Amino acid sequence: MTSEYDNMTEEERAAFDKAARQKEAEEQAALPYKWRQTLIDVAITIPIPKGTKGRDLSVVIQKKHIKAGLKGAEPILEGELCEAVKVDDSTWLIDNGELAIHLEKANQQSWWKNVVTHHPAIDTTKIEPENSKLSDLDGETRGMVEKMMFDQRQKQMGLPSSDELKKQDILKNFQKQHPEMDFSKAKFS
């Protein structure tokens, strides 16, 4: 079954992608905080009034829930986290007039769609990790990220993924080893 996106021309896909990125950017800009992520952590910054001290804030970080804001006021950020965090490795501080929250991901092999589940999601397939950061990853994680990036580029160009290429190579080798077999009516998917 093909999707509507698959039936679009290259120009239509480009326009669709541009509109989707614009909508996503507008939704993210409307949030009362800014956030960024790596495979290892999530960094959140929340503007706070000038002169705010740590004792003026209420920040609660739990494995799957966060609540942050000024004491005695409605929380600025509250809800179920998109994914679990390592509570003991997550911290917060006041930095340059902002509340800076560092969340250490429990699963350090996935991208978050959003910070809290009820806020607008981002398209994680469009994430492009900073090249300088790839070198910080251990060999296994780096290999997995590079494979994901390769597969994403292949998908965008309508080409086979690394797993599909591997299957094609196995089939070609099998056919070479067994020239006596007739594969002309075989169907592969």
Protein backbone atom coordinates (compact mmCIF):
# COMPACT_ATOMS: atom_id res chain seq x y z
CA MET A 1 0.00 0.00 0.00
CA THR A 2 1.48 3.32 -0.99
CA SER A 3 0.90 6.51 0.91
CA GLU A 4 -0.26 9.82 -0.51
CA TYR A 5 3.29 11.13 0.08
CA ASP A 6 4.74 8.36 -2.12
CA ASN A 7 2.49 9.45 -5.00
CA MET A 8 3.66 13.08 -4.87
CA THR A 9 6.08 14.61 -7.34
CA GLU A 10 9.47 15.75 -6.06
CA GLU A 11 8.28 19.38 -6.03
CA GLU A 12 5.10 18.46 -4.13
CA ARG A 13 7.15 16.52 -1.56
CA ALA A 14 9.51 19.47 -1.12
CA ALA A 15 6.56 21.85 -0.58
CA PHE A 16 4.89 19.39 1.80
CA ASP A 17 8.12 18.94 3.79
CA LYS A 18 8.70 22.70 3.94
CA ALA A 19 5.15 23.30 5.22
CA ALA A 20 5.54 20.52 7.80
CA ARG A 21 8.87 21.98 9.03
CA GLN A 22 7.30 25.45 9.25
CA LYS A 23 4.31 24.14 11.24
CA GLU A 24 6.65 22.21 13.55
CA ALA A 25 8.84 25.29 14.09
CA GLU A 26 5.77 27.43 14.93
CA GLU A 27 4.47 24.81 17.39
CA GLN A 28 7.86 24.54 19.10
CA ALA A 29 8.27 28.34 19.26
CA ALA A 30 4.89 28.61 21.00
CA LEU A 31 6.03 26.40 23.90
CA PRO A 32 6.94 28.22 27.16
CA TYR A 33 10.41 26.64 26.99
CA LYS A 34 13.09 25.72 24.48
CA TRP A 35 14.63 22.28 24.23
CA ARG A 36 17.29 20.36 22.37
CA GLN A 37 18.52 16.82 22.58
CA THR A 38 21.29 14.39 21.85
CA LEU A 39 20.95 10.63 22.01
CA ILE A 40 22.20 10.90 25.61
CA ASP A 41 20.27 13.81 27.10
CA VAL A 42 17.63 16.51 26.81
CA ALA A 43 18.36 20.15 27.68
CA ILE A 44 15.45 22.44 28.52
CA THR A 45 15.64 26.18 29.12
CA ILE A 46 12.80 28.19 30.63
CA PRO A 47 12.89 32.00 30.89
CA ILE A 48 12.41 33.19 34.49
CA PRO A 49 12.10 36.67 36.03
CA LYS A 50 15.34 38.54 36.64
CA GLY A 51 16.68 38.01 40.15
CA THR A 52 14.98 34.62 40.61
CA LYS A 53 16.86 32.41 43.08
CA GLY A 54 16.83 28.62 43.36
CA ARG A 55 14.67 28.86 46.50
CA ASP A 56 12.01 30.65 44.40
CA LEU A 57 11.65 27.66 42.07
CA SER A 58 9.91 24.32 42.33
CA VAL A 59 11.47 21.66 40.11
CA VAL A 60 10.48 18.01 40.43
CA ILE A 61 12.09 15.45 38.10
CA GLN A 62 10.73 11.91 38.26
CA LYS A 63 11.39 8.91 36.02
CA LYS A 64 8.42 9.68 33.72
CA HIS A 65 7.15 13.05 34.99
CA ILE A 66 8.40 16.62 35.27
CA LYS A 67 7.09 19.73 37.00
CA ALA A 68 8.92 23.07 36.92
CA GLY A 69 8.05 26.67 37.67
CA LEU A 70 7.96 29.41 40.27
CA LYS A 71 6.81 28.38 43.76
CA GLY A 72 3.21 29.33 44.42
CA ALA A 73 2.45 29.81 40.72
CA GLU A 74 1.06 27.59 37.97
CA PRO A 75 3.88 25.29 36.70
CA ILE A 76 5.52 26.46 33.46
CA LEU A 77 6.26 22.87 32.45
CA GLU A 78 4.36 19.89 33.79
CA GLY A 79 3.43 16.49 32.45
CA GLU A 80 4.34 12.94 31.58
CA LEU A 81 7.77 12.78 29.94
CA CYS A 82 7.98 11.38 26.43
CA GLU A 83 10.47 8.75 27.68
CA ALA A 84 11.97 7.71 31.00
CA VAL A 85 14.94 9.57 32.49
CA LYS A 86 17.71 8.66 34.93
CA VAL A 87 16.53 10.73 37.90
CA ASP A 88 19.85 10.62 39.78
CA ASP A 89 21.73 11.94 36.71
CA SER A 90 19.21 14.69 35.91
CA THR A 91 19.76 18.19 37.30
CA TRP A 92 18.69 21.82 37.10
CA LEU A 93 20.27 25.21 37.72
CA ILE A 94 19.79 28.91 37.04
CA ASP A 95 21.93 30.08 34.13
CA ASN A 96 21.84 33.55 32.52
CA GLY A 97 18.34 34.33 33.75
CA GLU A 98 16.92 30.97 32.68
CA LEU A 99 16.02 27.77 34.43
CA ALA A 100 18.24 25.15 32.75
CA ILE A 101 17.10 21.54 33.17
CA HIS A 102 19.29 18.61 32.14
CA LEU A 103 17.50 15.27 31.71
CA GLU A 104 19.64 12.17 31.27
CA LYS A 105 17.80 9.72 28.99
CA ALA A 106 17.22 6.20 30.31
CA ASN A 107 17.21 4.89 26.72
CA GLN A 108 20.18 6.53 25.07
CA GLN A 109 19.44 5.10 21.64
CA SER A 110 16.30 6.98 20.70
CA TRP A 111 15.20 10.49 19.80
CA TRP A 112 12.38 12.10 21.75
CA LYS A 113 9.35 13.39 19.83
CA ASN A 114 8.58 15.92 22.57
CA VAL A 115 9.45 16.67 26.19
CA VAL A 116 6.02 15.99 27.63
CA THR A 117 3.53 13.80 25.85
CA HIS A 118 0.74 16.40 25.56
CA HIS A 119 2.95 18.95 23.74
CA PRO A 120 3.41 19.06 19.95
CA ALA A 121 5.73 16.39 18.55
CA ILE A 122 8.67 16.87 16.22
CA ASP A 123 9.49 14.63 13.26
CA THR A 124 12.40 12.62 14.63
CA THR A 125 13.23 11.27 11.16
CA LYS A 126 14.46 14.76 10.25
CA ILE A 127 16.96 14.98 13.12
CA GLU A 128 20.52 15.39 11.91
CA PRO A 129 23.00 14.89 14.75
CA GLU A 130 25.92 17.27 14.81
CA ASN A 131 28.89 15.54 13.18
CA SER A 132 31.20 16.64 15.96
CA LYS A 133 28.98 14.86 18.44
CA LEU A 134 29.06 11.53 16.59
CA SER A 135 32.71 11.16 17.58
CA ASP A 136 31.67 11.34 21.25
CA LEU A 137 29.59 8.16 20.92
CA ASP A 138 30.87 4.68 21.62
CA GLY A 139 31.51 2.49 18.56
CA GLU A 140 28.27 0.49 18.73
CA THR A 141 26.03 3.56 19.21
CA ARG A 142 27.88 5.51 16.54
CA GLY A 143 27.46 2.64 14.06
CA MET A 144 23.74 2.48 14.81
CA VAL A 145 23.32 6.27 14.36
CA GLU A 146 25.26 6.23 11.07
CA LYS A 147 23.10 3.32 9.85
CA MET A 148 19.93 5.26 10.79
CA MET A 149 21.20 8.34 8.96
CA PHE A 150 22.09 6.26 5.87
CA ASP A 151 18.67 4.58 5.89
CA GLN A 152 16.96 7.97 6.28
CA ARG A 153 18.82 9.39 3.26
CA GLN A 154 18.04 6.26 1.24
CA LYS A 155 14.34 6.50 2.14
CA GLN A 156 14.23 10.19 1.15
CA MET A 157 15.69 9.27 -2.26
CA GLY A 158 13.36 6.29 -2.68
CA LEU A 159 16.28 3.84 -2.50
CA PRO A 160 16.59 0.58 -0.53
CA SER A 161 17.63 0.64 3.14
CA SER A 162 20.84 -0.96 4.38
CA ASP A 163 18.89 -4.10 5.42
CA GLU A 164 17.26 -4.34 1.97
CA LEU A 165 20.66 -3.90 0.28
CA LYS A 166 22.07 -6.66 2.48
CA LYS A 167 19.21 -9.00 1.49
CA GLN A 168 19.77 -8.18 -2.19
CA ASP A 169 23.48 -9.05 -1.85
CA ILE A 170 22.67 -12.35 -0.14
CA LEU A 171 20.22 -13.22 -2.93
CA LYS A 172 22.74 -12.30 -5.66
CA ASN A 173 25.42 -14.46 -4.02
CA PHE A 174 22.99 -17.35 -3.69
CA GLN A 175 22.04 -17.03 -7.37
CA LYS A 176 25.74 -17.03 -8.37
CA GLN A 177 26.36 -20.14 -6.29
CA HIS A 178 23.36 -21.92 -7.83
CA PRO A 179 23.28 -21.07 -11.55
CA GLU A 180 21.34 -24.28 -12.16
CA MET A 181 18.28 -22.84 -10.41
CA ASP A 182 15.72 -20.80 -12.37
CA PHE A 183 14.78 -17.60 -10.52
CA SER A 184 12.87 -16.01 -13.43
CA LYS A 185 9.44 -16.57 -11.84
CA ALA A 186 10.50 -15.95 -8.24
CA LYS A 187 8.90 -13.07 -6.36
CA PHE A 188 10.90 -11.31 -3.66
CA SER A 189 9.66 -8.67 -1.26
